[in-house]
C-alpha cells in the first residue's frame, strides 16, 4: 500500500561519500589502534579543528541576553546585511550593492542549493574535479543535467573545452579557492571565465567558501566585484571564522530578481536564519581587529601543515601533485602505483584501501567526478603536524 515512489528529486539525493568514509573511519580506527597501538590518522574531512573565536561566541550570548530569539526577517536581518555589504566592499572590492542584493542563508550550502534550484531541469556545468556535494546533492535535487569540464593535469583551464560546453548550458559552477585541488583561480582566469559566461548568456554560481584561506601571497578575486548581473556569489562564515557548526552564509548578486526568489525559497525551507546567529555573524564581519587576528593564527598553522604534507609527499618518487595555493587540501595522483589490470571499481579504491590498511583515511578521487580517479584528496584541516609526519612515514613504507 505504501510502496509508491516518492519525488525523484529527493530519492536521487545521496549522502556525500565523504560522510560515508568518515563513518568507515570511526569503525576502523578503534580496531586499528587496538591491534597496532597507533592512532588512525584522519585526512578525509573538511572540518576545522580551531575553536570559534571568543568575540563571536560572546556576541551570540549577548544577542540571546538581549532577547533576540524571535522569528527572523525573511532574507536576513538588516544589521547582518549591512555587515555583509561592509565586508564585500572592504575585502572583495564589490561596490554598488545594497541590502536588496543579499540573501542570508543557513551556511553557504543552502545558498548553493537555492542557486541550483533556480535552474531546475536545465543544463549546468562546472570544473572537474568537483566538490562531491554538488554532484551528490544539488544536481539531483534540482534535476540538473550537469556537465563536468575537466581541468588539465596541472589544474589549469582549457578554454577551448570550456567555451564549447558553455554554449549549451544555463549556468557554470565556479569554486575558488578550489576543493579538492587547492587551486586559486587568478584574477585573469576569473575575469576570463566571467566574460565568456556573460557573452554567452550563462549565469555564474561562484562558490567562495575558502576565500580567506590563502598561501604564498595568493589573492582571492571575487567575480561579484565585476559589473555583471549574471554573477551569483556564495559566501560562508564556516571556514573563515571556524564556524562550521553555526551554519551561517549568504548569497550576493547584482541581479535584483534573484534575491527576491531565493528569499522566498529560504522562507519556504527554513523561515529564515536564526536571529541571534545573524547578530554573531555581524560581529564576526565588523570586528576586523579580532577577526584578522583569528584568521592569521589559523593560517599560520594551516601553512605549517600544508608544508609538512607537501614536502613529505614530494619525497616519495612517483606521486604527482601541485602545491595547494588555498583551502586545506592536496590532490595527488597515484597512477604509477596502481596495477593496470584492475577493473574500474577496484582501481578507484586501490590507493584508498592501501592507505587505510596502515591507518590513514583519505577520500578517493572518483568522489569528485569522473576525470580524476587516480587521485586522492588529503585534507589537513584537522590534522596537526606531528600526525602528518607520522602519516608520511606510513605512506613512505607503503610506496617506497
Protein backbone atom coordinates (compact mmCIF):
# COMPACT_ATOMS: atom_id res chain seq x y z
CA UNK A 1 0.00 0.00 0.00
CA UNK A 2 2.85 2.39 0.83
CA UNK A 3 5.39 1.27 -1.78
CA UNK A 4 4.76 4.10 -4.26
CA UNK A 5 7.72 6.10 -5.45
CA UNK A 6 8.30 9.50 -3.93
CA UNK A 7 9.67 12.59 -5.66
CA UNK A 8 12.69 11.54 -7.73
CA UNK A 9 14.47 14.79 -6.85
CA UNK A 10 14.53 13.58 -3.24
CA UNK A 11 15.05 9.89 -3.95
CA UNK A 12 18.09 10.57 -6.14
CA UNK A 13 19.95 12.58 -3.47
CA UNK A 14 22.88 10.70 -1.99
CA UNK A 15 24.91 11.45 1.11
CA UNK A 16 28.34 12.73 0.22
CA UNK A 17 30.74 9.78 0.06
CA UNK A 18 32.96 11.81 2.39
CA UNK A 19 30.33 11.29 5.10
CA UNK A 20 30.31 7.54 4.43
CA UNK A 21 34.12 7.49 4.52
CA UNK A 22 34.07 9.32 7.86
CA UNK A 23 31.69 6.70 9.26
CA UNK A 24 34.00 3.98 7.96
CA UNK A 25 36.93 5.68 9.72
CA UNK A 26 35.07 5.53 13.04
CA UNK A 27 34.54 1.79 12.64
CA UNK A 28 38.10 1.07 11.57
CA UNK A 29 40.00 3.34 13.96
CA UNK A 30 39.30 1.51 17.22
CA UNK A 31 40.29 -1.85 15.79
CA UNK A 32 43.44 -0.41 14.19
CA UNK A 33 44.57 1.26 17.42
CA UNK A 34 43.86 -1.84 19.47
CA UNK A 35 45.86 -4.00 17.04
CA UNK A 36 48.84 -1.67 16.46
CA UNK A 37 48.83 0.78 19.36
CA UNK A 38 48.94 3.60 16.79
CA UNK A 39 46.50 6.39 16.03
CA UNK A 40 44.24 6.30 13.00
CA UNK A 41 45.18 9.42 11.00
CA UNK A 42 42.29 11.41 9.56
CA UNK A 43 42.81 13.23 6.28
CA UNK A 44 39.25 12.94 4.97
CA UNK A 45 37.02 15.74 6.29
CA UNK A 46 36.87 19.47 5.55
CA UNK A 47 36.12 20.28 9.19
CA UNK A 48 38.27 22.76 11.13
CA UNK A 49 39.85 21.96 14.49
CA UNK A 50 40.09 25.57 15.68
CA UNK A 51 37.53 26.93 18.13
CA UNK A 52 35.22 29.71 17.04
CA UNK A 53 36.86 32.99 18.15
CA UNK A 54 35.69 34.10 21.58
CA UNK A 55 34.46 37.51 20.39
CA UNK A 56 31.91 35.80 18.12
CA UNK A 57 30.70 33.46 20.85
CA UNK A 58 30.30 36.41 23.22
CA UNK A 59 28.27 38.27 20.57
CA UNK A 60 25.88 35.32 20.32
CA UNK A 61 25.49 35.22 24.10
CA UNK A 62 24.83 38.95 24.20
CA UNK A 63 22.19 38.61 21.46
CA UNK A 64 20.45 35.91 23.49
CA UNK A 65 20.63 38.01 26.65
CA UNK A 66 19.04 40.86 24.70
CA UNK A 67 16.10 38.65 23.73
CA UNK A 68 16.92 38.22 20.04
CA UNK A 69 15.07 34.91 19.91
CA UNK A 70 12.05 35.75 17.76
CA UNK A 71 11.25 34.97 14.13
CA UNK A 72 13.91 36.37 11.80
CA UNK A 73 13.28 38.76 8.95
CA UNK A 74 12.86 36.94 5.64
CA UNK A 75 16.08 37.02 3.66
CA UNK A 76 18.16 38.33 6.54
CA UNK A 77 18.28 40.97 9.27
CA UNK A 78 19.23 44.47 8.13
CA UNK A 79 22.15 44.65 10.60
CA UNK A 80 23.69 41.42 9.27
CA UNK A 81 23.17 42.53 5.67
CA UNK A 82 24.87 45.84 6.39
CA UNK A 83 27.85 43.99 7.85
CA UNK A 84 27.96 41.81 4.73
CA UNK A 85 27.92 44.90 2.50
CA UNK A 86 30.79 46.38 4.51
CA UNK A 87 32.80 43.17 4.11
CA UNK A 88 32.05 42.92 0.38
CA UNK A 89 33.32 46.45 -0.20
CA UNK A 90 36.27 46.17 2.18
CA UNK A 91 37.58 42.72 1.21
CA UNK A 92 36.03 41.82 -2.16
CA UNK A 93 36.12 45.31 -3.72
CA UNK A 94 32.45 44.88 -4.60
CA UNK A 95 30.68 48.24 -4.69
CA UNK A 96 27.26 49.44 -5.76
CA UNK A 97 25.41 46.77 -3.77
CA UNK A 98 22.52 47.16 -1.34
CA UNK A 99 20.54 45.02 1.07
CA UNK A 100 18.31 44.02 -1.85
CA UNK A 101 21.28 42.22 -3.44
CA UNK A 102 21.76 39.85 -0.47
CA UNK A 103 20.01 36.74 0.84
CA UNK A 104 21.18 35.31 4.19
CA UNK A 105 21.16 31.51 4.40
CA UNK A 106 21.96 28.55 6.61
CA UNK A 107 25.56 28.18 5.53
CA UNK A 108 26.92 28.51 2.04
CA UNK A 109 25.38 25.11 1.37
CA UNK A 110 21.79 26.41 1.50
CA UNK A 111 22.76 29.34 -0.71
CA UNK A 112 24.23 26.93 -3.25
CA UNK A 113 21.18 24.68 -3.14
CA UNK A 114 18.86 27.65 -3.72
CA UNK A 115 21.05 28.84 -6.60
CA UNK A 116 20.99 25.45 -8.31
CA UNK A 117 17.23 25.29 -7.73
CA UNK A 118 16.84 28.45 -9.83
CA UNK A 119 17.84 26.35 -12.83
CA UNK A 120 15.81 23.22 -12.11
CA UNK A 121 15.54 20.91 -15.09
CA UNK A 122 18.19 22.82 -17.07
CA UNK A 123 21.79 22.16 -18.05
CA UNK A 124 24.70 23.33 -15.95
CA UNK A 125 28.45 22.79 -15.92
CA UNK A 126 31.42 23.08 -13.60
CA UNK A 127 35.08 22.21 -13.41
CA UNK A 128 36.14 18.67 -12.61
CA UNK A 129 37.25 17.61 -10.09
CA UNK A 130 34.14 18.96 -8.37
CA UNK A 131 33.07 19.12 -4.71
CA UNK A 132 31.08 15.95 -4.02
CA UNK A 133 28.02 17.74 -2.57
CA UNK A 134 27.43 19.42 -5.93
CA UNK A 135 27.33 16.04 -7.66
CA UNK A 136 25.53 14.08 -4.96
CA UNK A 137 23.11 16.68 -3.60
CA UNK A 138 22.49 19.86 -5.57
CA UNK A 139 22.48 18.30 -9.04
CA UNK A 140 19.92 15.54 -8.36
CA UNK A 141 17.80 17.74 -6.08
CA UNK A 142 17.42 20.39 -8.77
CA UNK A 143 17.24 17.81 -11.58
CA UNK A 144 20.23 19.41 -13.29
CA UNK A 145 21.90 17.87 -16.33
CA UNK A 146 25.42 18.62 -15.15
CA UNK A 147 28.46 18.55 -17.43
CA UNK A 148 31.93 18.15 -15.89
CA UNK A 149 34.58 20.32 -17.55
CA UNK A 150 37.96 18.68 -16.83
CA UNK A 151 40.82 20.84 -15.66
CA UNK A 152 44.22 19.98 -17.09
CA UNK A 153 46.58 17.76 -15.08
CA UNK A 154 48.18 20.92 -13.63
CA UNK A 155 44.64 22.15 -12.74
CA UNK A 156 44.74 24.97 -15.30
CA UNK A 157 41.80 25.75 -17.59
CA UNK A 158 41.38 24.51 -21.16
CA UNK A 159 39.38 27.43 -22.52
CA UNK A 160 38.57 25.70 -25.80
CA UNK A 161 36.76 22.89 -23.98
CA UNK A 162 35.16 25.37 -21.56
CA UNK A 163 33.76 27.72 -24.19
CA UNK A 164 32.44 24.87 -26.30
CA UNK A 165 30.50 23.43 -23.34
CA UNK A 166 29.25 26.83 -22.15
CA UNK A 167 27.40 27.35 -25.44
CA UNK A 168 24.83 24.81 -24.30
CA UNK A 169 24.24 25.44 -20.56
CA UNK A 170 22.30 27.83 -18.32
CA UNK A 171 24.90 28.21 -15.56
CA UNK A 172 28.51 27.48 -14.67
CA UNK A 173 29.64 26.48 -11.16
CA UNK A 174 32.98 28.03 -10.19
CA UNK A 175 34.74 27.20 -6.92
CA UNK A 176 37.78 29.27 -5.90
CA UNK A 177 39.85 28.56 -3.85
CA UNK A 178 39.09 25.10 -5.13
CA UNK A 179 38.02 21.94 -3.36
CA UNK A 180 39.63 19.37 -3.81
CA UNK A 181 42.75 20.70 -5.58
CA UNK A 182 43.67 23.78 -3.53
CA UNK A 183 43.95 25.82 -6.74
CA UNK A 184 43.28 29.56 -6.50
CA UNK A 185 41.93 30.85 -9.81
CA UNK A 186 43.77 34.07 -10.64
CA UNK A 187 42.07 37.39 -11.32
CA UNK A 188 42.78 36.92 -15.04
CA UNK A 189 41.23 33.44 -15.00
CA UNK A 190 38.12 34.57 -13.09
CA UNK A 191 37.66 37.59 -15.35
CA UNK A 192 38.01 35.48 -18.48
CA UNK A 193 35.55 32.84 -17.26
CA UNK A 194 33.05 35.53 -16.22
CA UNK A 195 33.39 37.36 -19.53
CA UNK A 196 32.84 34.19 -21.56
CA UNK A 197 29.76 33.38 -19.50
CA UNK A 198 28.41 36.92 -19.88
CA UNK A 199 28.97 36.83 -23.63
CA UNK A 200 27.13 33.51 -23.94
CA UNK A 201 24.25 34.41 -21.57
CA UNK A 202 25.36 31.92 -18.91
CA UNK A 203 24.98 32.58 -15.16
CA UNK A 204 27.96 32.00 -12.85
CA UNK A 205 27.40 30.35 -9.46
CA UNK A 206 30.60 31.28 -7.63
CA UNK A 207 31.38 29.24 -4.51
CA UNK A 208 33.87 31.26 -2.44
CA UNK A 209 33.83 29.33 0.83
CA UNK A 210 37.64 29.33 1.18
CA UNK A 211 38.19 32.98 0.20
CA UNK A 212 40.38 33.76 3.24
CA UNK A 213 42.42 30.54 3.30
CA UNK A 214 45.32 31.54 1.04
CA UNK A 215 49.08 30.94 0.98
CA UNK A 216 52.24 32.35 -0.58
CA UNK A 217 50.75 35.78 -1.27
CA UNK A 218 47.91 34.46 -3.42
CA UNK A 219 44.89 36.74 -3.65
CA UNK A 220 41.23 35.82 -3.92
CA UNK A 221 39.37 37.60 -6.71
CA UNK A 222 35.60 37.52 -6.44
CA UNK A 223 33.53 37.81 -9.64
CA UNK A 224 30.92 39.77 -7.65
CA UNK A 225 33.29 42.74 -7.96
CA UNK A 226 32.59 42.75 -11.72
CA UNK A 227 29.67 44.81 -13.09
CA UNK A 228 27.74 41.79 -14.43
CA UNK A 229 24.22 40.78 -13.46
CA UNK A 230 24.82 37.10 -14.25
CA UNK A 231 27.05 36.50 -11.19
CA UNK A 232 25.74 34.73 -8.08
CA UNK A 233 28.46 34.69 -5.40
CA UNK A 234 28.11 32.40 -2.40
CA UNK A 235 29.96 33.02 0.87
CA UNK A 236 30.08 31.38 4.27
CA UNK A 237 31.47 32.19 7.69
CA UNK A 238 32.21 28.50 8.30
CA UNK A 239 35.80 28.35 7.09
CA UNK A 240 36.90 31.94 7.65
CA UNK A 241 35.89 32.06 11.32
CA UNK A 242 35.84 28.34 12.18
CA UNK A 243 32.04 28.49 12.43
CA UNK A 244 31.25 25.24 10.60
CA UNK A 245 28.50 24.20 13.02
CA UNK A 246 26.87 27.63 13.15
CA UNK A 247 25.52 27.29 9.59
CA UNK A 248 25.75 30.91 8.52
CA UNK A 249 26.23 32.08 4.95
CA UNK A 250 24.90 34.42 2.30
CA UNK A 251 24.25 34.87 -1.40
CA UNK A 252 25.07 38.08 -3.30
CA UNK A 253 24.15 39.09 -6.84
CA UNK A 254 23.61 42.27 -8.86
CA UNK A 255 20.56 40.64 -10.43
CA UNK A 256 17.72 42.05 -8.29
CA UNK A 257 15.29 39.29 -9.29
CA UNK A 258 17.42 36.50 -7.83
CA UNK A 259 17.38 37.64 -4.15
CA UNK A 260 13.59 38.01 -4.39
CA UNK A 261 13.34 34.37 -5.45
CA UNK A 262 15.98 32.97 -3.10
CA UNK A 263 14.40 34.84 -0.19
CA UNK A 264 11.13 33.04 -0.94
CA UNK A 265 12.97 29.72 -1.22
CA UNK A 266 14.77 30.32 2.07
CA UNK A 267 11.50 31.26 3.78
CA UNK A 268 9.80 28.15 2.42
CA UNK A 269 12.56 25.84 3.61
CA UNK A 270 13.61 27.28 6.96
CA UNK A 271 11.67 30.55 7.55
CA UNK A 272 14.99 32.36 7.81
CA UNK A 273 18.28 32.15 9.69
CA UNK A 274 18.08 32.20 13.50
CA UNK A 275 18.20 35.82 14.64
CA UNK A 276 20.90 35.65 17.31
CA UNK A 277 23.21 33.80 14.88
CA UNK A 278 22.96 36.71 12.47
CA UNK A 279 23.99 39.16 15.20
CA UNK A 280 27.01 37.00 15.97
CA UNK A 281 27.76 36.98 12.24
CA UNK A 282 27.55 40.76 12.18
CA UNK A 283 30.17 40.98 14.90
CA UNK A 284 32.37 38.45 13.09
CA UNK A 285 32.42 40.63 9.96
CA UNK A 286 32.63 44.08 11.56
CA UNK A 287 35.24 43.46 14.26
CA UNK A 288 38.19 43.47 11.87
CA UNK A 289 40.86 43.60 14.56
CA UNK A 290 39.73 40.41 16.29
CA UNK A 291 38.78 38.77 13.01
CA UNK A 292 42.15 39.32 11.35
CA UNK A 293 43.94 38.09 14.47
CA UNK A 294 41.96 34.84 14.43
CA UNK A 295 42.38 34.33 10.68
CA UNK A 296 46.13 34.99 10.83
CA UNK A 297 46.66 32.49 13.65
CA UNK A 298 44.68 29.86 11.78
CA UNK A 299 46.59 30.43 8.53
CA UNK A 300 49.97 30.17 10.25
CA UNK A 301 49.04 26.69 11.49
CA UNK A 302 47.45 25.60 8.19
CA UNK A 303 50.58 26.69 6.33
CA UNK A 304 52.78 24.56 8.61
CA UNK A 305 50.54 21.57 7.92
CA UNK A 306 50.46 22.26 4.19
CA UNK A 307 54.25 22.39 4.00
CA UNK A 308 54.68 19.26 6.11
CA UNK A 309 52.29 17.31 3.87
CA UNK A 310 53.64 18.75 0.62
CA UNK A 311 57.31 18.17 1.48
CA UNK A 312 56.59 14.69 2.80
CA UNK A 313 54.71 13.55 -0.30
CA UNK A 314 57.32 15.21 -2.52
CA UNK A 315 59.95 12.93 -1.03
CA UNK A 316 58.11 9.86 -2.38
CA UNK A 317 59.04 9.28 -6.01
CA UNK A 318 56.11 8.58 -8.33
CA UNK A 319 53.42 10.72 -6.68
CA UNK A 320 52.32 13.60 -8.94
CA UNK A 321 50.73 16.75 -7.49
CA UNK A 322 50.57 20.53 -7.34
CA UNK A 323 51.25 22.51 -4.17
CA UNK A 324 47.94 23.99 -3.00
CA UNK A 325 47.58 27.78 -3.20
CA UNK A 326 44.50 27.96 -0.99
CA UNK A 327 41.96 25.95 1.06
CA UNK A 328 43.35 22.97 3.02
CA UNK A 329 43.53 20.11 0.52
CA UNK A 330 46.14 18.30 -1.57
CA UNK A 331 45.00 16.18 -4.51
CA UNK A 332 47.93 13.98 -5.59
CA UNK A 333 47.84 11.46 -8.43
CA UNK A 334 48.97 7.87 -7.77
CA UNK A 335 48.77 6.40 -11.29
CA UNK A 336 52.27 4.93 -11.20
CA UNK A 337 51.37 2.81 -8.15
CA UNK A 338 48.09 1.34 -9.48
CA UNK A 339 48.24 -2.03 -11.31
CA UNK A 340 46.96 -1.77 -14.88
CA UNK A 341 44.87 -4.97 -14.79
CA UNK A 342 42.37 -3.69 -12.20
CA UNK A 343 38.76 -3.07 -13.21
CA UNK A 344 37.28 0.41 -12.67
CA UNK A 345 35.76 -0.30 -9.24
CA UNK A 346 38.92 -1.88 -7.81
CA UNK A 347 41.11 0.78 -9.40
CA UNK A 348 39.30 3.71 -7.78
CA UNK A 349 39.65 2.14 -4.31
CA UNK A 350 43.16 0.68 -4.66
CA UNK A 351 45.21 3.54 -3.13
CA UNK A 352 42.44 4.45 -0.67
CA UNK A 353 42.46 0.89 0.72
CA UNK A 354 46.26 0.66 0.75
CA UNK A 355 46.37 3.76 2.93
CA UNK A 356 43.52 2.61 5.15
CA UNK A 357 45.41 -0.62 5.83
CA UNK A 358 48.14 1.47 7.51
CA UNK A 359 45.69 3.62 9.47
CA UNK A 360 45.27 6.57 7.10
CA UNK A 361 41.83 7.67 5.90
CA UNK A 362 41.53 9.86 2.80
CA UNK A 363 38.96 10.45 0.02
CA UNK A 364 39.35 8.66 -3.30
CA UNK A 365 39.33 10.79 -6.47
CA UNK A 366 36.17 9.45 -8.10
CA UNK A 367 34.16 11.08 -5.29
CA UNK A 368 34.89 14.34 -7.14
CA UNK A 369 33.69 13.29 -10.58
CA UNK A 370 34.76 11.07 -13.44
CA UNK A 371 38.09 12.50 -14.60
CA UNK A 372 40.50 12.14 -11.65
CA UNK A 373 40.01 8.58 -10.44
CA UNK A 374 43.72 8.01 -9.77
CA UNK A 375 43.90 10.97 -7.38
CA UNK A 376 43.41 11.03 -3.62
CA UNK A 377 42.29 14.02 -1.55
CA UNK A 378 44.16 14.76 1.65
CA UNK A 379 42.64 17.33 3.99
CA UNK A 380 44.92 18.89 6.62
CA UNK A 381 42.16 20.93 8.27
CA UNK A 382 42.14 18.84 11.45
CA UNK A 383 45.50 17.06 11.28
CA UNK A 384 48.37 18.55 13.33
CA UNK A 385 51.93 18.48 12.01
CA UNK A 386 53.07 15.58 14.22
CA UNK A 387 50.32 13.33 12.83
CA UNK A 388 51.05 14.49 9.27
CA UNK A 389 54.68 13.46 9.76
CA UNK A 390 53.59 10.09 11.13
CA UNK A 391 51.26 9.72 8.14
CA UNK A 392 54.09 10.47 5.72
CA UNK A 393 56.21 7.81 7.41
CA UNK A 394 53.48 5.21 6.87
CA UNK A 395 52.85 6.31 3.26
CA UNK A 396 56.57 6.05 2.55
CA UNK A 397 56.59 2.46 3.84
CA UNK A 398 53.67 1.56 1.56
CA UNK A 399 55.03 3.11 -1.63
CA UNK A 400 58.81 3.02 -1.19
